[in-house]
Amino acid sequence: MSMPTRTAGVLTGLALAFGGVILAAPTAQSDIPACTKTVESAGFEVTDAVRTACYRGVVSDLQGCVSGLTAAGVPGGAANGACRLAPHEPR
C-alpha cells in the first residue's frame, strides 16, 4: 500500500469516526430546559450565559456548569441544583 493511499485511508477513518460522534451527540438524552427552569424559579433571568452553562451540564461538565451559572449571578446552591438536572433525560 503506498503512502498516499494509506494516508487517505486513515483520514477517511478519522472523518467517519468524528462524523459518528457528531451525529450521535444530538441524540444524547439531556435536559437543558430543566436546568434553565431551575435558574428561572430561583429568580434569575435565563440569558445566553445561563444556557451555555446549562449546556456544559448536559455534557457532564458539572464544575463548568456551576462555574458558568455562578459567573452569571446564580447563587451556588441554585447553580448546583440546576446543573445536576441538566444531564438527565427530559421529563
N, C-alpha and C. Protein backbone atom coordinates (compact mmCIF):
# COMPACT_ATOMS: atom_id res chain seq x y z
N MET A 1 0.86 -1.16 0.00
CA MET A 1 0.00 0.00 0.00
C MET A 1 0.91 1.23 0.00
N SER A 2 0.66 2.15 -0.88
CA SER A 2 1.51 3.33 -0.98
C SER A 2 1.14 4.33 0.12
N MET A 3 2.06 5.23 0.39
CA MET A 3 1.86 6.20 1.47
C MET A 3 0.64 7.09 1.24
N PRO A 4 0.41 7.65 0.04
CA PRO A 4 -0.80 8.48 -0.15
C PRO A 4 -2.10 7.68 0.06
N THR A 5 -2.12 6.43 -0.36
CA THR A 5 -3.32 5.61 -0.18
C THR A 5 -3.55 5.34 1.30
N ARG A 6 -2.50 5.05 2.03
CA ARG A 6 -2.62 4.78 3.47
C ARG A 6 -3.08 6.06 4.19
N THR A 7 -2.52 7.19 3.83
CA THR A 7 -2.90 8.46 4.45
C THR A 7 -4.38 8.76 4.17
N ALA A 8 -4.80 8.54 2.94
CA ALA A 8 -6.20 8.77 2.58
C ALA A 8 -7.12 7.84 3.39
N GLY A 9 -6.69 6.61 3.58
CA GLY A 9 -7.49 5.66 4.36
C GLY A 9 -7.61 6.09 5.82
N VAL A 10 -6.50 6.53 6.39
CA VAL A 10 -6.52 6.99 7.78
C VAL A 10 -7.40 8.21 7.93
N LEU A 11 -7.28 9.17 7.02
CA LEU A 11 -8.11 10.38 7.09
C LEU A 11 -9.59 10.06 6.92
N THR A 12 -9.90 9.13 6.04
CA THR A 12 -11.29 8.73 5.86
C THR A 12 -11.83 8.09 7.14
N GLY A 13 -11.02 7.23 7.75
CA GLY A 13 -11.43 6.59 9.00
C GLY A 13 -11.68 7.59 10.11
N LEU A 14 -10.79 8.58 10.21
CA LEU A 14 -10.97 9.62 11.22
C LEU A 14 -12.22 10.45 10.95
N ALA A 15 -12.45 10.77 9.69
CA ALA A 15 -13.64 11.55 9.34
C ALA A 15 -14.91 10.78 9.69
N LEU A 16 -14.93 9.49 9.42
CA LEU A 16 -16.10 8.69 9.76
C LEU A 16 -16.29 8.58 11.27
N ALA A 17 -15.18 8.44 11.99
CA ALA A 17 -15.28 8.35 13.44
C ALA A 17 -15.81 9.63 14.04
N PHE A 18 -15.26 10.78 13.63
CA PHE A 18 -15.73 12.05 14.16
C PHE A 18 -17.15 12.35 13.69
N GLY A 19 -17.48 11.98 12.48
CA GLY A 19 -18.84 12.18 11.98
C GLY A 19 -19.84 11.39 12.80
N GLY A 20 -19.47 10.19 13.19
CA GLY A 20 -20.34 9.37 14.03
C GLY A 20 -20.57 9.99 15.38
N VAL A 21 -19.54 10.58 15.95
CA VAL A 21 -19.67 11.26 17.23
C VAL A 21 -20.59 12.46 17.11
N ILE A 22 -20.43 13.22 16.06
CA ILE A 22 -21.26 14.40 15.85
C ILE A 22 -22.71 14.00 15.62
N LEU A 23 -22.95 12.95 14.87
CA LEU A 23 -24.32 12.51 14.63
C LEU A 23 -24.95 11.95 15.89
N ALA A 24 -24.16 11.32 16.74
CA ALA A 24 -24.69 10.74 17.97
C ALA A 24 -24.98 11.80 19.03
N ALA A 25 -24.27 12.89 19.01
CA ALA A 25 -24.40 13.92 20.05
C ALA A 25 -25.82 14.45 20.21
N PRO A 26 -26.54 14.79 19.13
CA PRO A 26 -27.89 15.32 19.33
C PRO A 26 -28.86 14.31 19.92
N THR A 27 -28.56 13.02 19.84
CA THR A 27 -29.48 12.03 20.38
C THR A 27 -29.25 11.78 21.86
N ALA A 28 -28.22 12.38 22.42
CA ALA A 28 -27.96 12.21 23.84
C ALA A 28 -29.15 12.78 24.62
N GLN A 29 -29.55 12.04 25.62
CA GLN A 29 -30.69 12.50 26.41
C GLN A 29 -30.20 13.52 27.43
N SER A 30 -30.76 14.70 27.35
CA SER A 30 -30.36 15.76 28.26
C SER A 30 -31.54 16.68 28.52
N ASP A 31 -31.37 17.51 29.51
CA ASP A 31 -32.50 18.36 29.89
C ASP A 31 -32.06 19.78 30.19
N ILE A 32 -31.74 20.53 29.15
CA ILE A 32 -31.40 21.94 29.31
C ILE A 32 -32.59 22.71 29.88
N PRO A 33 -33.83 22.45 29.41
CA PRO A 33 -34.97 23.19 29.98
C PRO A 33 -35.11 23.02 31.49
N ALA A 34 -34.82 21.84 32.03
CA ALA A 34 -34.92 21.67 33.49
C ALA A 34 -33.88 22.53 34.19
N CYS A 35 -32.71 22.62 33.61
CA CYS A 35 -31.65 23.46 34.18
C CYS A 35 -32.07 24.93 34.14
N THR A 36 -32.53 25.38 32.99
CA THR A 36 -32.90 26.80 32.87
C THR A 36 -34.14 27.13 33.71
N LYS A 37 -35.08 26.20 33.82
CA LYS A 37 -36.27 26.44 34.65
C LYS A 37 -35.89 26.55 36.12
N THR A 38 -34.91 25.76 36.54
CA THR A 38 -34.46 25.84 37.93
C THR A 38 -33.84 27.20 38.20
N VAL A 39 -33.05 27.68 37.25
CA VAL A 39 -32.45 29.01 37.39
C VAL A 39 -33.55 30.07 37.45
N GLU A 40 -34.52 29.94 36.55
CA GLU A 40 -35.63 30.89 36.49
C GLU A 40 -36.45 30.88 37.78
N SER A 41 -36.71 29.68 38.31
CA SER A 41 -37.51 29.58 39.53
C SER A 41 -36.75 30.11 40.74
N ALA A 42 -35.44 30.20 40.64
CA ALA A 42 -34.63 30.79 41.72
C ALA A 42 -34.65 32.32 41.62
N GLY A 43 -35.33 32.84 40.58
CA GLY A 43 -35.50 34.29 40.46
C GLY A 43 -34.47 34.98 39.58
N PHE A 44 -33.83 34.21 38.71
CA PHE A 44 -32.81 34.79 37.84
C PHE A 44 -33.23 34.68 36.39
N GLU A 45 -32.83 35.67 35.61
CA GLU A 45 -33.15 35.71 34.19
C GLU A 45 -32.32 34.66 33.44
N VAL A 46 -32.95 33.98 32.50
CA VAL A 46 -32.25 33.00 31.67
C VAL A 46 -31.65 33.74 30.48
N THR A 47 -30.35 33.89 30.52
CA THR A 47 -29.60 34.59 29.47
C THR A 47 -28.83 33.58 28.64
N ASP A 48 -28.13 34.07 27.64
CA ASP A 48 -27.28 33.18 26.84
C ASP A 48 -26.20 32.54 27.70
N ALA A 49 -25.68 33.28 28.67
CA ALA A 49 -24.66 32.74 29.57
C ALA A 49 -25.22 31.58 30.39
N VAL A 50 -26.47 31.70 30.81
CA VAL A 50 -27.12 30.63 31.57
C VAL A 50 -27.31 29.40 30.69
N ARG A 51 -27.80 29.61 29.47
CA ARG A 51 -28.00 28.48 28.55
C ARG A 51 -26.67 27.78 28.24
N THR A 52 -25.63 28.56 28.05
CA THR A 52 -24.32 27.99 27.77
C THR A 52 -23.83 27.16 28.96
N ALA A 53 -24.01 27.69 30.15
CA ALA A 53 -23.61 26.96 31.35
C ALA A 53 -24.43 25.67 31.49
N CYS A 54 -25.72 25.74 31.22
CA CYS A 54 -26.56 24.54 31.30
C CYS A 54 -26.13 23.51 30.27
N TYR A 55 -25.70 23.96 29.11
CA TYR A 55 -25.20 23.01 28.10
C TYR A 55 -23.97 22.28 28.64
N ARG A 56 -23.12 22.98 29.37
CA ARG A 56 -21.95 22.32 29.96
C ARG A 56 -22.40 21.20 30.89
N GLY A 57 -23.48 21.42 31.60
CA GLY A 57 -24.02 20.37 32.46
C GLY A 57 -24.52 19.19 31.66
N VAL A 58 -25.09 19.47 30.49
CA VAL A 58 -25.58 18.40 29.62
C VAL A 58 -24.45 17.47 29.20
N VAL A 59 -23.29 18.04 28.94
CA VAL A 59 -22.16 17.22 28.50
C VAL A 59 -21.34 16.73 29.70
N SER A 60 -21.98 16.73 30.88
CA SER A 60 -21.41 16.20 32.12
C SER A 60 -20.22 16.96 32.64
N ASP A 61 -20.15 18.26 32.34
CA ASP A 61 -19.12 19.12 32.91
C ASP A 61 -19.78 19.89 34.05
N LEU A 62 -20.01 19.19 35.16
CA LEU A 62 -20.73 19.78 36.29
C LEU A 62 -20.01 21.01 36.82
N GLN A 63 -18.71 20.93 36.99
CA GLN A 63 -17.97 22.07 37.52
C GLN A 63 -18.04 23.27 36.58
N GLY A 64 -17.92 23.02 35.26
CA GLY A 64 -18.03 24.10 34.29
C GLY A 64 -19.40 24.73 34.29
N CYS A 65 -20.42 23.90 34.47
CA CYS A 65 -21.80 24.39 34.52
C CYS A 65 -22.00 25.28 35.75
N VAL A 66 -21.59 24.78 36.90
CA VAL A 66 -21.75 25.55 38.14
C VAL A 66 -20.96 26.85 38.06
N SER A 67 -19.74 26.79 37.57
CA SER A 67 -18.92 27.99 37.44
C SER A 67 -19.58 29.01 36.51
N GLY A 68 -20.12 28.52 35.39
CA GLY A 68 -20.78 29.41 34.43
C GLY A 68 -22.02 30.06 35.02
N LEU A 69 -22.83 29.27 35.74
CA LEU A 69 -24.03 29.84 36.35
C LEU A 69 -23.67 30.82 37.46
N THR A 70 -22.66 30.48 38.25
CA THR A 70 -22.23 31.38 39.32
C THR A 70 -21.72 32.69 38.74
N ALA A 71 -20.97 32.60 37.65
CA ALA A 71 -20.47 33.82 36.98
C ALA A 71 -21.62 34.65 36.44
N ALA A 72 -22.73 34.00 36.09
CA ALA A 72 -23.90 34.71 35.58
C ALA A 72 -24.76 35.29 36.71
N GLY A 73 -24.34 35.06 37.97
CA GLY A 73 -25.04 35.64 39.11
C GLY A 73 -25.95 34.71 39.86
N VAL A 74 -26.01 33.45 39.46
CA VAL A 74 -26.86 32.47 40.14
C VAL A 74 -26.11 31.97 41.37
N PRO A 75 -26.75 31.98 42.56
CA PRO A 75 -26.06 31.52 43.76
C PRO A 75 -25.67 30.04 43.67
N GLY A 76 -24.65 29.67 44.42
CA GLY A 76 -24.08 28.33 44.35
C GLY A 76 -25.07 27.19 44.51
N GLY A 77 -25.98 27.28 45.47
CA GLY A 77 -26.94 26.19 45.70
C GLY A 77 -27.87 26.00 44.52
N ALA A 78 -28.40 27.09 43.99
CA ALA A 78 -29.29 27.01 42.84
C ALA A 78 -28.53 26.55 41.60
N ALA A 79 -27.29 27.04 41.45
CA ALA A 79 -26.47 26.64 40.30
C ALA A 79 -26.18 25.15 40.35
N ASN A 80 -25.82 24.66 41.53
CA ASN A 80 -25.51 23.24 41.68
C ASN A 80 -26.74 22.38 41.38
N GLY A 81 -27.88 22.77 41.90
CA GLY A 81 -29.11 22.01 41.66
C GLY A 81 -29.49 22.00 40.19
N ALA A 82 -29.39 23.15 39.54
CA ALA A 82 -29.74 23.25 38.12
C ALA A 82 -28.80 22.39 37.29
N CYS A 83 -27.52 22.45 37.60
CA CYS A 83 -26.54 21.70 36.81
C CYS A 83 -26.69 20.19 37.00
N ARG A 84 -27.15 19.78 38.15
CA ARG A 84 -27.36 18.34 38.38
C ARG A 84 -28.54 17.80 37.58
N LEU A 85 -29.46 18.67 37.21
CA LEU A 85 -30.61 18.25 36.40
C LEU A 85 -30.27 18.14 34.91
N ALA A 86 -29.29 18.91 34.46
CA ALA A 86 -29.01 19.03 33.04
C ALA A 86 -28.67 17.71 32.33
N PRO A 87 -27.86 16.82 32.89
CA PRO A 87 -27.51 15.63 32.12
C PRO A 87 -28.56 14.53 32.14
N HIS A 88 -29.70 14.76 32.75
CA HIS A 88 -30.73 13.72 32.85
C HIS A 88 -31.70 13.77 31.68
N GLU A 89 -32.42 12.68 31.54
CA GLU A 89 -33.42 12.57 30.48
C GLU A 89 -34.52 13.61 30.70
N PRO A 90 -34.96 14.28 29.63
CA PRO A 90 -36.03 15.25 29.76
C PRO A 90 -37.30 14.62 30.35
N ARG A 91 -38.01 15.41 31.09
CA ARG A 91 -39.25 14.91 31.72
C ARG A 91 -40.46 15.50 31.07
